[in-house]
Protein backbone atom coordinates (compact mmCIF):
# COMPACT_ATOMS: atom_id res chain seq x y z
CA MET A 1 -29.86 10.29 28.09
CA SER A 2 -32.98 8.27 28.81
CA GLY A 3 -32.82 5.08 30.85
CA ILE A 4 -33.93 2.89 27.93
CA LYS A 5 -31.37 4.40 25.53
CA LYS A 6 -28.63 4.03 28.14
CA LYS A 7 -29.59 0.38 28.74
CA CYS A 8 -29.64 -0.39 24.99
CA ILE A 9 -26.16 1.11 24.58
CA GLU A 10 -24.90 -0.89 27.54
CA ILE A 11 -26.38 -4.14 26.19
CA PHE A 12 -24.82 -3.52 22.77
CA LEU A 13 -21.35 -2.54 24.02
CA THR A 14 -21.21 -5.31 26.63
CA ILE A 15 -22.67 -7.88 24.21
CA PHE A 16 -25.64 -8.78 26.36
CA TYR A 17 -23.61 -8.29 29.56
CA ILE A 18 -20.76 -10.67 28.70
CA GLY A 19 -18.57 -7.67 29.49
CA LYS A 20 -19.94 -7.65 33.04
CA ILE A 21 -18.28 -11.00 33.86
CA PRO A 22 -16.00 -10.06 36.77
CA PHE A 23 -12.84 -11.77 35.48
CA ALA A 24 -11.36 -11.71 31.95
CA PRO A 25 -14.39 -10.10 30.26
CA TRP A 26 -12.43 -9.34 27.08
CA THR A 27 -11.34 -12.96 26.73
CA PHE A 28 -14.91 -14.16 27.34
CA GLY A 29 -16.13 -11.64 24.76
CA SER A 30 -13.59 -12.91 22.24
CA PHE A 31 -14.45 -16.52 23.05
CA PHE A 32 -18.15 -15.80 22.49
CA TRP A 33 -17.29 -14.51 19.01
CA LEU A 34 -15.11 -17.56 18.39
CA LEU A 35 -18.23 -19.67 18.98
CA VAL A 36 -20.24 -17.44 16.62
CA ALA A 37 -17.49 -17.79 14.01
CA TYR A 38 -17.58 -21.57 14.42
CA PHE A 39 -21.35 -21.41 13.84
CA PHE A 40 -20.68 -19.55 10.58
CA TYR A 41 -18.04 -22.10 9.65
CA PHE A 42 -20.34 -25.03 10.46
CA PHE A 43 -23.15 -23.61 8.30
CA GLN A 44 -20.67 -22.57 5.59
CA ILE A 45 -21.50 -18.88 5.71
CA HIS A 46 -19.13 -17.00 3.41
CA PHE A 47 -16.16 -15.39 5.16
CA PHE A 48 -16.95 -12.03 3.54
CA PHE A 49 -19.81 -11.82 6.04
CA PHE A 50 -17.19 -11.41 8.80
CA PHE A 51 -15.89 -8.26 7.13
CA PHE A 52 -19.32 -6.80 6.45
CA PHE A 53 -20.54 -7.48 10.00
CA SER A 54 -17.35 -5.96 11.46
CA LEU A 55 -17.70 -2.83 9.37
CA VAL A 56 -21.33 -2.27 10.37
CA PHE A 57 -20.59 -2.85 14.07
CA THR A 58 -17.58 -0.50 13.93
CA VAL A 59 -19.65 2.33 12.48
CA ILE A 60 -22.30 1.81 15.16
CA ALA A 61 -19.88 1.23 18.07
CA ILE A 62 -17.56 4.24 17.73
CA PRO A 63 -20.09 6.94 18.67
CA LEU A 64 -21.74 4.69 21.27
CA VAL A 65 -18.40 4.07 23.01
CA ASP A 66 -17.96 7.84 23.28
CA VAL A 67 -21.40 8.23 24.89
CA TYR A 68 -20.88 5.26 27.24
CA GLU A 69 -17.43 6.42 28.37
CA LYS A 70 -18.69 9.93 29.06
CA ASP A 71 -21.50 8.46 31.13
CA LEU A 72 -19.15 6.17 33.12
CA GLN A 73 -16.28 8.70 33.10
CA ILE A 74 -13.87 5.79 32.59
CA HIS A 75 -11.75 5.17 29.49
CA ASP A 76 -11.89 1.70 27.89
CA HIS A 77 -14.01 0.22 30.65
CA LYS A 78 -13.54 -3.54 30.95
CA SER A 79 -17.26 -4.11 30.31
CA ILE A 80 -16.94 -2.84 26.72
CA VAL A 81 -16.43 -6.00 24.65
CA ILE A 82 -17.91 -4.94 21.31
CA ASP A 83 -14.37 -4.07 20.23
CA GLU A 84 -13.35 -7.69 20.79
CA PHE A 85 -16.08 -8.71 18.36
CA ILE A 86 -14.88 -6.23 15.77
CA GLY A 87 -11.24 -7.24 16.10
CA ILE A 88 -11.80 -10.97 16.09
CA PHE A 89 -14.30 -10.89 13.22
CA ILE A 90 -11.90 -8.88 11.07
CA SER A 91 -9.20 -11.43 11.97
CA PHE A 92 -11.48 -14.26 10.88
CA PHE A 93 -12.18 -12.45 7.62
CA MET A 94 -8.48 -12.01 6.90
CA ILE A 95 -7.62 -15.62 7.79
CA GLY A 96 -10.81 -16.85 6.09
CA TRP A 97 -9.67 -16.03 2.60
CA LEU A 98 -7.17 -18.84 3.05
CA GLU A 99 -9.48 -21.41 4.60
CA ILE A 100 -11.87 -21.34 7.51
CA ASN A 101 -11.31 -24.41 9.63
CA ILE A 102 -11.08 -25.18 13.32
CA PHE A 103 -7.29 -24.78 13.42
CA ASN A 104 -7.40 -21.35 11.77
CA LEU A 105 -10.24 -20.16 14.03
CA ILE A 106 -8.40 -21.20 17.20
CA LEU A 107 -5.10 -19.81 15.91
CA THR A 108 -6.77 -16.49 15.14
CA PHE A 109 -8.40 -16.39 18.57
CA VAL A 110 -5.13 -17.07 20.38
CA LEU A 111 -3.11 -14.60 18.29
CA PHE A 112 -5.73 -11.89 18.54
CA ARG A 113 -5.97 -12.25 22.34
CA PHE A 114 -2.17 -12.28 22.64
CA PHE A 115 -1.71 -9.05 20.68
CA ASP A 116 -4.72 -7.41 22.28
CA ILE A 117 -3.31 -8.12 25.75
CA LYS A 118 0.40 -7.52 25.07
CA LYS A 119 -0.07 -4.42 22.86
CA PRO A 120 3.10 -4.33 20.71
CA TRP A 121 5.05 -1.05 20.62
CA ILE A 122 3.20 0.42 17.63
CA ILE A 123 -0.13 -0.02 19.38
CA LYS A 124 1.24 1.71 22.49
CA GLN A 125 2.52 4.59 20.33
CA VAL A 126 -0.85 5.07 18.67
CA ASP A 127 -2.49 4.90 22.10
CA MET A 128 -0.78 8.15 23.05
CA ASN A 129 -1.98 10.01 19.96
CA VAL A 130 -5.56 8.83 19.29
CA LEU A 131 -8.78 10.10 20.87
CA TRP A 132 -9.82 7.94 23.80
CA TRP A 133 -13.18 6.82 22.46
CA LEU A 134 -11.68 5.96 19.08
CA TRP A 135 -8.83 4.09 20.73
CA VAL A 136 -11.23 1.60 22.35
CA ILE A 137 -11.99 0.25 18.87
CA PHE A 138 -8.71 1.09 17.12
CA ASP A 139 -6.39 -0.90 19.42
CA ASP A 140 -8.32 -4.07 18.57
CA ILE A 141 -8.07 -3.31 14.86
CA LEU A 142 -4.29 -2.98 15.25
CA ALA A 143 -4.21 -6.22 17.26
CA TRP A 144 -5.97 -8.07 14.44
CA ILE A 145 -3.41 -6.72 11.94
CA TRP A 146 -0.64 -8.25 14.04
CA ALA A 147 -2.67 -11.46 14.48
CA TRP A 148 -3.30 -11.62 10.74
CA ILE A 149 0.37 -11.16 9.79
CA LEU A 150 1.60 -13.80 12.21
CA GLY A 151 -1.40 -16.04 11.45
CA ILE A 152 -0.65 -16.02 7.71
CA ILE A 153 3.00 -16.85 8.38
CA LEU A 154 2.07 -19.71 10.72
CA ILE A 155 -0.66 -21.10 8.46
CA PHE A 156 1.70 -21.15 5.47
CA SER A 157 4.47 -22.67 7.61
CA PHE A 158 2.15 -25.42 8.89
CA SER A 159 0.85 -26.09 5.38
CA LEU A 160 4.41 -26.72 4.23
CA LEU A 161 4.83 -29.30 6.99
CA TRP A 162 1.75 -31.31 6.00
């Protein structure tokens, strides 16, 4: 692979080197996308955009993760944060059909990070049976499902209290 192609893949998967931050790169990657989501919220960009953007990035990222991991010879390297983008944007899409507001964005961020870090039992089970390069993306998709389910429950619970 040429040096330019390798560098472009690295920039894409690390989201302009956010993934190279030496501590908590996945959280910083997620936080960066929280700020992007707030930008969308502030300018009233339709929440369907979150889904579309996530889908496009997933299709692009899956084969690039495979190439990058083969080059590094390390599975799910901490510098890969594109999967955080995909997971958190899908979470925002799923929460967004209710209402995009600051509370829901922060709730989604916290829940997504919690499930992405803690990896509930089903995510661990899938981890053992899915191809490595696909798993890098897929575990974040499963984390957003958990974040979405709990997020919906919490949002409805809080709405009953107001």
